[in-house]
Amino acid sequence: MLPVINEAEQALWESLQLHLPLKGVRCRIQPEAISVQIDTSASLDPQGEYNVEARDIVQSIFSAHGFDQYLKTVTIEPYKRGSAFLIDTLAVD
């Protein structure tokens, strides 16, 4: 699945940079949903044409690779810092 996420993030970056000053784009996978998180200094416009474009990109790529089960909901949100790979909090002494 990671290569599919990477492909989607790269395609989103190429498309969204034409509309927004990007710092980052992430696809977060959740049960039956994909959240496109956009890191930008601009305010995200819920009515912006890039929202439809981003959803189309995600749906096309994930569907082409057989991951339709995640496409019930595709959201566009501001970026939230975090890691998909950390399950428990790591204490460092």
PDB file of N, CA and C in Angstrom:
ATOM      1  N   MET A   1       0.820  -1.196   0.000  1.00  0.00           N
ATOM      2  CA  MET A   1       0.000   0.000   0.000  1.00  0.00           C
ATOM      3  C   MET A   1       0.866   1.263   0.000  1.00  0.00           C
ATOM      4  N   LEU A   2       2.056   1.212   0.612  1.00  0.00           N
ATOM      5  CA  LEU A   2       2.897   2.416   0.667  1.00  0.00           C
ATOM      6  C   LEU A   2       3.257   2.968  -0.713  1.00  0.00           C
ATOM      7  N   PRO A   3       3.553   2.125  -1.709  1.00  0.00           N
ATOM      8  CA  PRO A   3       3.818   2.687  -3.045  1.00  0.00           C
ATOM      9  C   PRO A   3       2.601   3.410  -3.639  1.00  0.00           C
ATOM     10  N   VAL A   4       1.406   2.937  -3.324  1.00  0.00           N
ATOM     11  CA  VAL A   4       0.181   3.587  -3.818  1.00  0.00           C
ATOM     12  C   VAL A   4       0.000   4.940  -3.135  1.00  0.00           C
ATOM     13  N   ILE A   5       0.233   4.980  -1.834  1.00  0.00           N
ATOM     14  CA  ILE A   5       0.149   6.245  -1.100  1.00  0.00           C
ATOM     15  C   ILE A   5       1.167   7.232  -1.660  1.00  0.00           C
ATOM     16  N   ASN A   6       2.389   6.766  -1.897  1.00  0.00           N
ATOM     17  CA  ASN A   6       3.435   7.627  -2.448  1.00  0.00           C
ATOM     18  C   ASN A   6       3.036   8.161  -3.826  1.00  0.00           C
ATOM     19  N   GLU A   7       2.506   7.296  -4.676  1.00  0.00           N
ATOM     20  CA  GLU A   7       2.063   7.717  -6.010  1.00  0.00           C
ATOM     21  C   GLU A   7       0.979   8.791  -5.912  1.00  0.00           C
ATOM     22  N   ALA A   8       0.027   8.585  -5.006  1.00  0.00           N
ATOM     23  CA  ALA A   8      -1.054   9.557  -4.832  1.00  0.00           C
ATOM     24  C   ALA A   8      -0.515  10.886  -4.306  1.00  0.00           C
ATOM     25  N   GLU A   9       0.380  10.831  -3.325  1.00  0.00           N
ATOM     26  CA  GLU A   9       0.935  12.067  -2.767  1.00  0.00           C
ATOM     27  C   GLU A   9       1.720  12.851  -3.816  1.00  0.00           C
ATOM     28  N   GLN A  10       2.476  12.151  -4.650  1.00  0.00           N
ATOM     29  CA  GLN A  10       3.232  12.838  -5.702  1.00  0.00           C
ATOM     30  C   GLN A  10       2.296  13.479  -6.726  1.00  0.00           C
ATOM     31  N   ALA A  11       1.252  12.758  -7.126  1.00  0.00           N
ATOM     32  CA  ALA A  11       0.288  13.308  -8.087  1.00  0.00           C
ATOM     33  C   ALA A  11      -0.458  14.494  -7.483  1.00  0.00           C
ATOM     34  N   LEU A  12      -0.810  14.394  -6.208  1.00  0.00           N
ATOM     35  CA  LEU A  12      -1.480  15.507  -5.529  1.00  0.00           C
ATOM     36  C   LEU A  12      -0.570  16.726  -5.470  1.00  0.00           C
ATOM     37  N   TRP A  13       0.704  16.509  -5.145  1.00  0.00           N
ATOM     38  CA  TRP A  13       1.666  17.616  -5.074  1.00  0.00           C
ATOM     39  C   TRP A  13       1.730  18.342  -6.416  1.00  0.00           C
ATOM     40  N   GLU A  14       1.880  17.582  -7.497  1.00  0.00           N
ATOM     41  CA  GLU A  14       1.979  18.177  -8.831  1.00  0.00           C
ATOM     42  C   GLU A  14       0.742  18.995  -9.180  1.00  0.00           C
ATOM     43  N   SER A  15      -0.419  18.500  -8.807  1.00  0.00           N
ATOM     44  CA  SER A  15      -1.668  19.184  -9.125  1.00  0.00           C
ATOM     45  C   SER A  15      -1.931  20.376  -8.203  1.00  0.00           C
ATOM     46  N   LEU A  16      -1.809  20.149  -6.900  1.00  0.00           N
ATOM     47  CA  LEU A  16      -2.187  21.179  -5.927  1.00  0.00           C
ATOM     48  C   LEU A  16      -1.237  22.368  -5.908  1.00  0.00           C
ATOM     49  N   GLN A  17       0.025  22.168  -6.302  1.00  0.00           N
ATOM     50  CA  GLN A  17       0.965  23.287  -6.291  1.00  0.00           C
ATOM     51  C   GLN A  17       0.564  24.365  -7.301  1.00  0.00           C
ATOM     52  N   LEU A  18      -0.302  24.033  -8.229  1.00  0.00           N
ATOM     53  CA  LEU A  18      -0.801  25.022  -9.187  1.00  0.00           C
ATOM     54  C   LEU A  18      -1.848  25.936  -8.557  1.00  0.00           C
ATOM     55  N   HIS A  19      -2.391  25.520  -7.398  1.00  0.00           N
ATOM     56  CA  HIS A  19      -3.466  26.262  -6.735  1.00  0.00           C
ATOM     57  C   HIS A  19      -3.061  26.856  -5.388  1.00  0.00           C
ATOM     58  N   LEU A  20      -2.101  26.219  -4.716  1.00  0.00           N
ATOM     59  CA  LEU A  20      -1.754  26.593  -3.339  1.00  0.00           C
ATOM     60  C   LEU A  20      -0.240  26.609  -3.150  1.00  0.00           C
ATOM     61  N   PRO A  21       0.260  27.464  -2.239  1.00  0.00           N
ATOM     62  CA  PRO A  21       1.677  27.389  -1.866  1.00  0.00           C
ATOM     63  C   PRO A  21       1.873  26.205  -0.903  1.00  0.00           C
ATOM     64  N   LEU A  22       2.330  25.092  -1.425  1.00  0.00           N
ATOM     65  CA  LEU A  22       2.408  23.857  -0.643  1.00  0.00           C
ATOM     66  C   LEU A  22       3.679  23.747   0.181  1.00  0.00           C
ATOM     67  N   LYS A  23       3.511  23.183   1.370  1.00  0.00           N
ATOM     68  CA  LYS A  23       4.636  22.759   2.198  1.00  0.00           C
ATOM     69  C   LYS A  23       4.663  21.236   2.275  1.00  0.00           C
ATOM     70  N   GLY A  24       3.496  20.626   2.083  1.00  0.00           N
ATOM     71  CA  GLY A  24       3.414  19.173   2.138  1.00  0.00           C
ATOM     72  C   GLY A  24       2.021  18.682   1.817  1.00  0.00           C
ATOM     73  N   VAL A  25       1.951  17.421   1.398  1.00  0.00           N
ATOM     74  CA  VAL A  25       0.677  16.748   1.121  1.00  0.00           C
ATOM     75  C   VAL A  25       0.799  15.329   1.650  1.00  0.00           C
ATOM     76  N   ARG A  26      -0.181  14.898   2.407  1.00  0.00           N
ATOM     77  CA  ARG A  26      -0.182  13.544   2.954  1.00  0.00           C
ATOM     78  C   ARG A  26      -1.542  12.892   2.729  1.00  0.00           C
ATOM     79  N   CYS A  27      -1.508  11.593   2.445  1.00  0.00           N
ATOM     80  CA  CYS A  27      -2.724  10.782   2.411  1.00  0.00           C
ATOM     81  C   CYS A  27      -2.724   9.942   3.677  1.00  0.00           C
ATOM     82  N   ARG A  28      -3.738  10.109   4.485  1.00  0.00           N
ATOM     83  CA  ARG A  28      -3.867   9.325   5.716  1.00  0.00           C
ATOM     84  C   ARG A  28      -4.966   8.290   5.482  1.00  0.00           C
ATOM     85  N   ILE A  29      -4.640   7.035   5.700  1.00  0.00           N
ATOM     86  CA  ILE A  29      -5.573   5.947   5.461  1.00  0.00           C
ATOM     87  C   ILE A  29      -6.291   5.619   6.761  1.00  0.00           C
ATOM     88  N   GLN A  30      -7.611   5.590   6.680  1.00  0.00           N
ATOM     89  CA  GLN A  30      -8.450   5.245   7.816  1.00  0.00           C
ATOM     90  C   GLN A  30      -9.421   4.165   7.343  1.00  0.00           C
ATOM     91  N   PRO A  31     -10.088   3.472   8.261  1.00  0.00           N
ATOM     92  CA  PRO A  31     -11.057   2.466   7.808  1.00  0.00           C
ATOM     93  C   PRO A  31     -12.104   3.108   6.887  1.00  0.00           C
ATOM     94  N   GLU A  32     -12.179   2.620   5.669  1.00  0.00           N
ATOM     95  CA  GLU A  32     -13.161   3.061   4.673  1.00  0.00           C
ATOM     96  C   GLU A  32     -13.051   4.538   4.317  1.00  0.00           C
ATOM     97  N   ALA A  33     -11.880   5.146   4.525  1.00  0.00           N
ATOM     98  CA  ALA A  33     -11.730   6.575   4.213  1.00  0.00           C
ATOM     99  C   ALA A  33     -10.269   6.913   3.944  1.00  0.00           C
ATOM    100  N   ILE A  34     -10.088   7.966   3.166  1.00  0.00           N
ATOM    101  CA  ILE A  34      -8.765   8.535   2.936  1.00  0.00           C
ATOM    102  C   ILE A  34      -8.862  10.023   3.210  1.00  0.00           C
ATOM    103  N   SER A  35      -7.964  10.514   4.026  1.00  0.00           N
ATOM    104  CA  SER A  35      -7.893  11.936   4.326  1.00  0.00           C
ATOM    105  C   SER A  35      -6.694  12.522   3.591  1.00  0.00           C
ATOM    106  N   VAL A  36      -6.947  13.499   2.724  1.00  0.00           N
ATOM    107  CA  VAL A  36      -5.868  14.225   2.060  1.00  0.00           C
ATOM    108  C   VAL A  36      -5.572  15.422   2.948  1.00  0.00           C
ATOM    109  N   GLN A  37      -4.378  15.450   3.525  1.00  0.00           N
ATOM    110  CA  GLN A  37      -3.997  16.544   4.413  1.00  0.00           C
ATOM    111  C   GLN A  37      -3.009  17.441   3.688  1.00  0.00           C
ATOM    112  N   ILE A  38      -3.351  18.727   3.652  1.00  0.00           N
ATOM    113  CA  ILE A  38      -2.572  19.707   2.903  1.00  0.00           C
ATOM    114  C   ILE A  38      -1.907  20.668   3.873  1.00  0.00           C
ATOM    115  N   ASP A  39      -0.583  20.772   3.781  1.00  0.00           N
ATOM    116  CA  ASP A  39       0.182  21.729   4.575  1.00  0.00           C
ATOM    117  C   ASP A  39       0.479  22.933   3.681  1.00  0.00           C
ATOM    118  N   THR A  40      -0.138  24.060   4.003  1.00  0.00           N
ATOM    119  CA  THR A  40       0.001  25.270   3.200  1.00  0.00           C
ATOM    120  C   THR A  40      -0.119  26.494   4.091  1.00  0.00           C
ATOM    121  N   SER A  41       0.469  27.594   3.647  1.00  0.00           N
ATOM    122  CA  SER A  41       0.330  28.853   4.381  1.00  0.00           C
ATOM    123  C   SER A  41      -0.985  29.539   4.034  1.00  0.00           C
ATOM    124  N   ALA A  42      -1.663  29.073   3.008  1.00  0.00           N
ATOM    125  CA  ALA A  42      -2.952  29.647   2.600  1.00  0.00           C
ATOM    126  C   ALA A  42      -4.089  28.961   3.353  1.00  0.00           C
ATOM    127  N   SER A  43      -5.209  29.641   3.438  1.00  0.00           N
ATOM    128  CA  SER A  43      -6.403  29.031   4.013  1.00  0.00           C
ATOM    129  C   SER A  43      -7.013  28.086   2.983  1.00  0.00           C
ATOM    130  N   LEU A  44      -7.425  26.915   3.447  1.00  0.00           N
ATOM    131  CA  LEU A  44      -8.078  25.974   2.540  1.00  0.00           C
ATOM    132  C   LEU A  44      -9.513  26.424   2.291  1.00  0.00           C
ATOM    133  N   ASP A  45      -9.908  26.413   1.040  1.00  0.00           N
ATOM    134  CA  ASP A  45     -11.254  26.816   0.640  1.00  0.00           C
ATOM    135  C   ASP A  45     -12.076  25.559   0.374  1.00  0.00           C
ATOM    136  N   PRO A  46     -13.091  25.283   1.202  1.00  0.00           N
ATOM    137  CA  PRO A  46     -13.905  24.082   0.989  1.00  0.00           C
ATOM    138  C   PRO A  46     -14.565  24.040  -0.393  1.00  0.00           C
ATOM    139  N   GLN A  47     -14.721  25.197  -1.023  1.00  0.00           N
ATOM    140  CA  GLN A  47     -15.336  25.265  -2.349  1.00  0.00           C
ATOM    141  C   GLN A  47     -14.298  25.344  -3.469  1.00  0.00           C
ATOM    142  N   GLY A  48     -13.015  25.309  -3.118  1.00  0.00           N
ATOM    143  CA  GLY A  48     -11.949  25.441  -4.113  1.00  0.00           C
ATOM    144  C   GLY A  48     -11.980  24.311  -5.129  1.00  0.00           C
ATOM    145  N   GLU A  49     -11.681  24.654  -6.378  1.00  0.00           N
ATOM    146  CA  GLU A  49     -11.701  23.646  -7.446  1.00  0.00           C
ATOM    147  C   GLU A  49     -10.689  22.534  -7.193  1.00  0.00           C
ATOM    148  N   TYR A  50      -9.653  22.832  -6.430  1.00  0.00           N
ATOM    149  CA  TYR A  50      -8.639  21.821  -6.146  1.00  0.00           C
ATOM    150  C   TYR A  50      -9.180  20.676  -5.302  1.00  0.00           C
ATOM    151  N   ASN A  51     -10.278  20.889  -4.575  1.00  0.00           N
ATOM    152  CA  ASN A  51     -10.874  19.811  -3.781  1.00  0.00           C
ATOM    153  C   ASN A  51     -11.378  18.680  -4.676  1.00  0.00           C
ATOM    154  N   VAL A  52     -12.083  19.037  -5.734  1.00  0.00           N
ATOM    155  CA  VAL A  52     -12.595  18.034  -6.673  1.00  0.00           C
ATOM    156  C   VAL A  52     -11.431  17.341  -7.367  1.00  0.00           C
ATOM    157  N   GLU A  53     -10.452  18.124  -7.769  1.00  0.00           N
ATOM    158  CA  GLU A  53      -9.263  17.585  -8.436  1.00  0.00           C
ATOM    159  C   GLU A  53      -8.537  16.585  -7.527  1.00  0.00           C
ATOM    160  N   ALA A  54      -8.361  16.947  -6.257  1.00  0.00           N
ATOM    161  CA  ALA A  54      -7.670  16.073  -5.307  1.00  0.00           C
ATOM    162  C   ALA A  54      -8.442  14.774  -5.100  1.00  0.00           C
ATOM    163  N   ARG A  55      -9.751  14.866  -4.952  1.00  0.00           N
ATOM    164  CA  ARG A  55     -10.561  13.656  -4.780  1.00  0.00           C
ATOM    165  C   ARG A  55     -10.471  12.757  -6.014  1.00  0.00           C
ATOM    166  N   ASP A  56     -10.529  13.363  -7.192  1.00  0.00           N
ATOM    167  CA  ASP A  56     -10.431  12.586  -8.434  1.00  0.00           C
ATOM    168  C   ASP A  56      -9.093  11.853  -8.531  1.00  0.00           C
ATOM    169  N   ILE A  57      -8.016  12.533  -8.163  1.00  0.00           N
ATOM    170  CA  ILE A  57      -6.682  11.920  -8.201  1.00  0.00           C
ATOM    171  C   ILE A  57      -6.626  10.719  -7.260  1.00  0.00           C
ATOM    172  N   VAL A  58      -7.064  10.910  -6.033  1.00  0.00           N
ATOM    173  CA  VAL A  58      -7.026   9.838  -5.035  1.00  0.00           C
ATOM    174  C   VAL A  58      -7.901   8.669  -5.479  1.00  0.00           C
ATOM    175  N   GLN A  59      -9.113   8.958  -5.926  1.00  0.00           N
ATOM    176  CA  GLN A  59     -10.015   7.886  -6.346  1.00  0.00           C
ATOM    177  C   GLN A  59      -9.447   7.110  -7.528  1.00  0.00           C
ATOM    178  N   SER A  60      -8.878   7.801  -8.478  1.00  0.00           N
ATOM    179  CA  SER A  60      -8.317   7.154  -9.662  1.00  0.00           C
ATOM    180  C   SER A  60      -7.147   6.235  -9.302  1.00  0.00           C
ATOM    181  N   ILE A  61      -6.215   6.733  -8.507  1.00  0.00           N
ATOM    182  CA  ILE A  61      -5.017   5.954  -8.172  1.00  0.00           C
ATOM    183  C   ILE A  61      -5.349   4.772  -7.273  1.00  0.00           C
ATOM    184  N   PHE A  62      -6.115   4.999  -6.221  1.00  0.00           N
ATOM    185  CA  PHE A  62      -6.429   3.901  -5.307  1.00  0.00           C
ATOM    186  C   PHE A  62      -7.300   2.847  -5.985  1.00  0.00           C
ATOM    187  N   SER A  63      -8.227   3.264  -6.825  1.00  0.00           N
ATOM    188  CA  SER A  63      -9.073   2.325  -7.554  1.00  0.00           C
ATOM    189  C   SER A  63      -8.254   1.497  -8.544  1.00  0.00           C
ATOM    190  N   ALA A  64      -7.321   2.137  -9.239  1.00  0.00           N
ATOM    191  CA  ALA A  64      -6.483   1.436 -10.216  1.00  0.00           C
ATOM    192  C   ALA A  64      -5.647   0.332  -9.568  1.00  0.00           C
ATOM    193  N   HIS A  65      -5.347   0.487  -8.281  1.00  0.00           N
ATOM    194  CA  HIS A  65      -4.540  -0.501  -7.563  1.00  0.00           C
ATOM    195  C   HIS A  65      -5.392  -1.440  -6.701  1.00  0.00           C
ATOM    196  N   GLY A  66      -6.725  -1.376  -6.861  1.00  0.00           N
ATOM    197  CA  GLY A  66      -7.606  -2.309  -6.164  1.00  0.00           C
ATOM    198  C   GLY A  66      -7.930  -1.969  -4.725  1.00  0.00           C
ATOM    199  N   PHE A  67      -7.807  -0.706  -4.345  1.00  0.00           N
ATOM    200  CA  PHE A  67      -8.093  -0.290  -2.967  1.00  0.00           C
ATOM    201  C   PHE A  67      -9.393   0.510  -2.872  1.00  0.00           C
ATOM    202  N   ASP A  68     -10.419   0.056  -3.589  1.00  0.00           N
ATOM    203  CA  ASP A  68     -11.708   0.758  -3.596  1.00  0.00           C
ATOM    204  C   ASP A  68     -12.359   0.827  -2.214  1.00  0.00           C
ATOM    205  N   GLN A  69     -12.048  -0.123  -1.345  1.00  0.00           N
ATOM    206  CA  GLN A  69     -12.680  -0.160  -0.030  1.00  0.00           C
ATOM    207  C   GLN A  69     -12.380   1.086   0.802  1.00  0.00           C
ATOM    208  N   TYR A  70     -11.320   1.811   0.472  1.00  0.00           N
ATOM    209  CA  TYR A  70     -10.968   3.016   1.230  1.00  0.00           C
ATOM    210  C   TYR A  70     -11.612   4.276   0.654  1.00  0.00           C
ATOM    211  N   LEU A  71     -12.313   4.150  -0.454  1.00  0.00           N
ATOM    212  CA  LEU A  71     -12.787   5.327  -1.179  1.00  0.00           C
ATOM    213  C   LEU A  71     -14.216   5.737  -0.846  1.00  0.00           C
ATOM    214  N   LYS A  72     -14.801   5.167   0.189  1.00  0.00           N
ATOM    215  CA  LYS A  72     -16.164   5.568   0.558  1.00  0.00           C
ATOM    216  C   LYS A  72     -16.210   7.041   0.941  1.00  0.00           C
ATOM    217  N   THR A  73     -15.142   7.499   1.577  1.00  0.00           N
ATOM    218  CA  THR A  73     -15.038   8.909   1.952  1.00  0.00           C
ATOM    219  C   THR A  73     -13.619   9.383   1.653  1.00  0.00           C
ATOM    220  N   VAL A  74     -13.509  10.493   0.929  1.00  0.00           N
ATOM    221  CA  VAL A  74     -12.222  11.141   0.694  1.00  0.00           C
ATOM    222  C   VAL A  74     -12.374  12.574   1.176  1.00  0.00           C
ATOM    223  N   THR A  75     -11.634  12.934   2.217  1.00  0.00           N
ATOM    224  CA  THR A  75     -11.739  14.280   2.784  1.00  0.00           C
ATOM    225  C   THR A  75     -10.495  15.095   2.460  1.00  0.00           C
ATOM    226  N   ILE A  76     -10.671  16.414   2.427  1.00  0.00           N
ATOM    227  CA  ILE A  76      -9.569  17.354   2.243  1.00  0.00           C
ATOM    228  C   ILE A  76      -9.480  18.158   3.536  1.00  0.00           C
ATOM    229  N   GLU A  77      -8.325  18.120   4.191  1.00  0.00           N
ATOM    230  CA  GLU A  77      -8.178  18.738   5.510  1.00  0.00           C
ATOM    231  C   GLU A  77      -6.832  19.440   5.626  1.00  0.00           C
ATOM    232  N   PRO A  78      -6.714  20.327   6.611  1.00  0.00           N
ATOM    233  CA  PRO A  78      -5.391  20.884   6.912  1.00  0.00           C
ATOM    234  C   PRO A  78      -4.480  19.774   7.442  1.00  0.00           C
ATOM    235  N   TYR A  79      -3.201  19.918   7.199  1.00  0.00           N
ATOM    236  CA  TYR A  79      -2.207  18.943   7.649  1.00  0.00           C
ATOM    237  C   TYR A  79      -2.168  18.872   9.164  1.00  0.00           C
ATOM    238  N   LYS A  80      -2.075  17.637   9.678  1.00  0.00           N
ATOM    239  CA  LYS A  80      -1.903  17.394  11.112  1.00  0.00           C
ATOM    240  C   LYS A  80      -0.622  16.601  11.282  1.00  0.00           C
ATOM    241  N   ARG A  81       0.303  17.148  12.036  1.00  0.00           N
ATOM    242  CA  ARG A  81       1.585  16.470  12.250  1.00  0.00           C
ATOM    243  C   ARG A  81       1.346  15.167  13.007  1.00  0.00           C
ATOM    244  N   GLY A  82       2.067  14.138  12.598  1.00  0.00           N
ATOM    245  CA  GLY A  82       1.954  12.848  13.260  1.00  0.00           C
ATOM    246  C   GLY A  82       2.626  11.781  12.437  1.00  0.00           C
ATOM    247  N   SER A  83       2.633  10.590  12.954  1.00  0.00           N
ATOM    248  CA  SER A  83       3.235   9.470  12.250  1.00  0.00           C
ATOM    249  C   SER A  83       2.280   8.294  12.243  1.00  0.00           C
ATOM    250  N   ALA A  84       2.133   7.704  11.090  1.00  0.00           N
ATOM    251  CA  ALA A  84       1.280   6.527  10.967  1.00  0.00           C
ATOM    252  C   ALA A  84       1.936   5.298  11.577  1.00  0.00           C
ATOM    253  N   PHE A  85       3.220   5.389  11.893  1.00  0.00           N
ATOM    254  CA  PHE A  85       3.958   4.214  12.316  1.00  0.00           C
ATOM    255  C   PHE A  85       4.205   4.150  13.817  1.00  0.00           C
ATOM    256  N   LEU A  86       3.828   5.171  14.561  1.00  0.00           N
ATOM    257  CA  LEU A  86       3.996   5.153  16.013  1.00  0.00           C
ATOM    258  C   LEU A  86       2.684   4.726  16.657  1.00  0.00           C
ATOM    259  N   ILE A  87       2.714   3.628  17.388  1.00  0.00           N
ATOM    260  CA  ILE A  87       1.500   3.139  18.027  1.00  0.00           C
ATOM    261  C   ILE A  87       1.442   3.619  19.471  1.00  0.00           C
ATOM    262  N   ASP A  88       2.513   3.447  20.200  1.00  0.00           N
ATOM    263  CA  ASP A  88       2.582   3.888  21.594  1.00  0.00           C
ATOM    264  C   ASP A  88       3.498   5.099  21.680  1.00  0.00           C
ATOM    265  N   THR A  89       3.320   5.868  22.720  1.00  0.00           N
ATOM    266  CA  THR A  89       4.194   7.012  22.945  1.00  0.00           C
ATOM    267  C   THR A  89       5.573   6.513  23.353  1.00  0.00           C
ATOM    268  N   LEU A  90       6.582   7.071  22.757  1.00  0.00           N
ATOM    269  CA  LEU A  90       7.960   6.684  23.044  1.00  0.00           C
ATOM    270  C   LEU A  90       8.528   7.646  24.073  1.00  0.00           C
ATOM    271  N   ALA A  91       8.975   7.118  25.190  1.00  0.00           N
ATOM    272  CA  ALA A  91       9.593   7.943  26.226  1.00  0.00           C
ATOM    273  C   ALA A  91      11.101   7.913  26.033  1.00  0.00           C
ATOM    274  N   VAL A  92      11.703   9.078  25.984  1.00  0.00           N
ATOM    275  CA  VAL A  92      13.149   9.178  25.821  1.00  0.00           C
ATOM    276  C   VAL A  92      13.719   9.810  27.079  1.00  0.00           C
ATOM    277  N   ASP A  93      14.693   9.123  27.699  1.00  0.00           N
ATOM    278  CA  ASP A  93      15.306   9.658  28.925  1.00  0.00           C
ATOM    279  C   ASP A  93      16.548  10.439  28.600  1.00  0.00           C
TER     280      ASP A  93
END
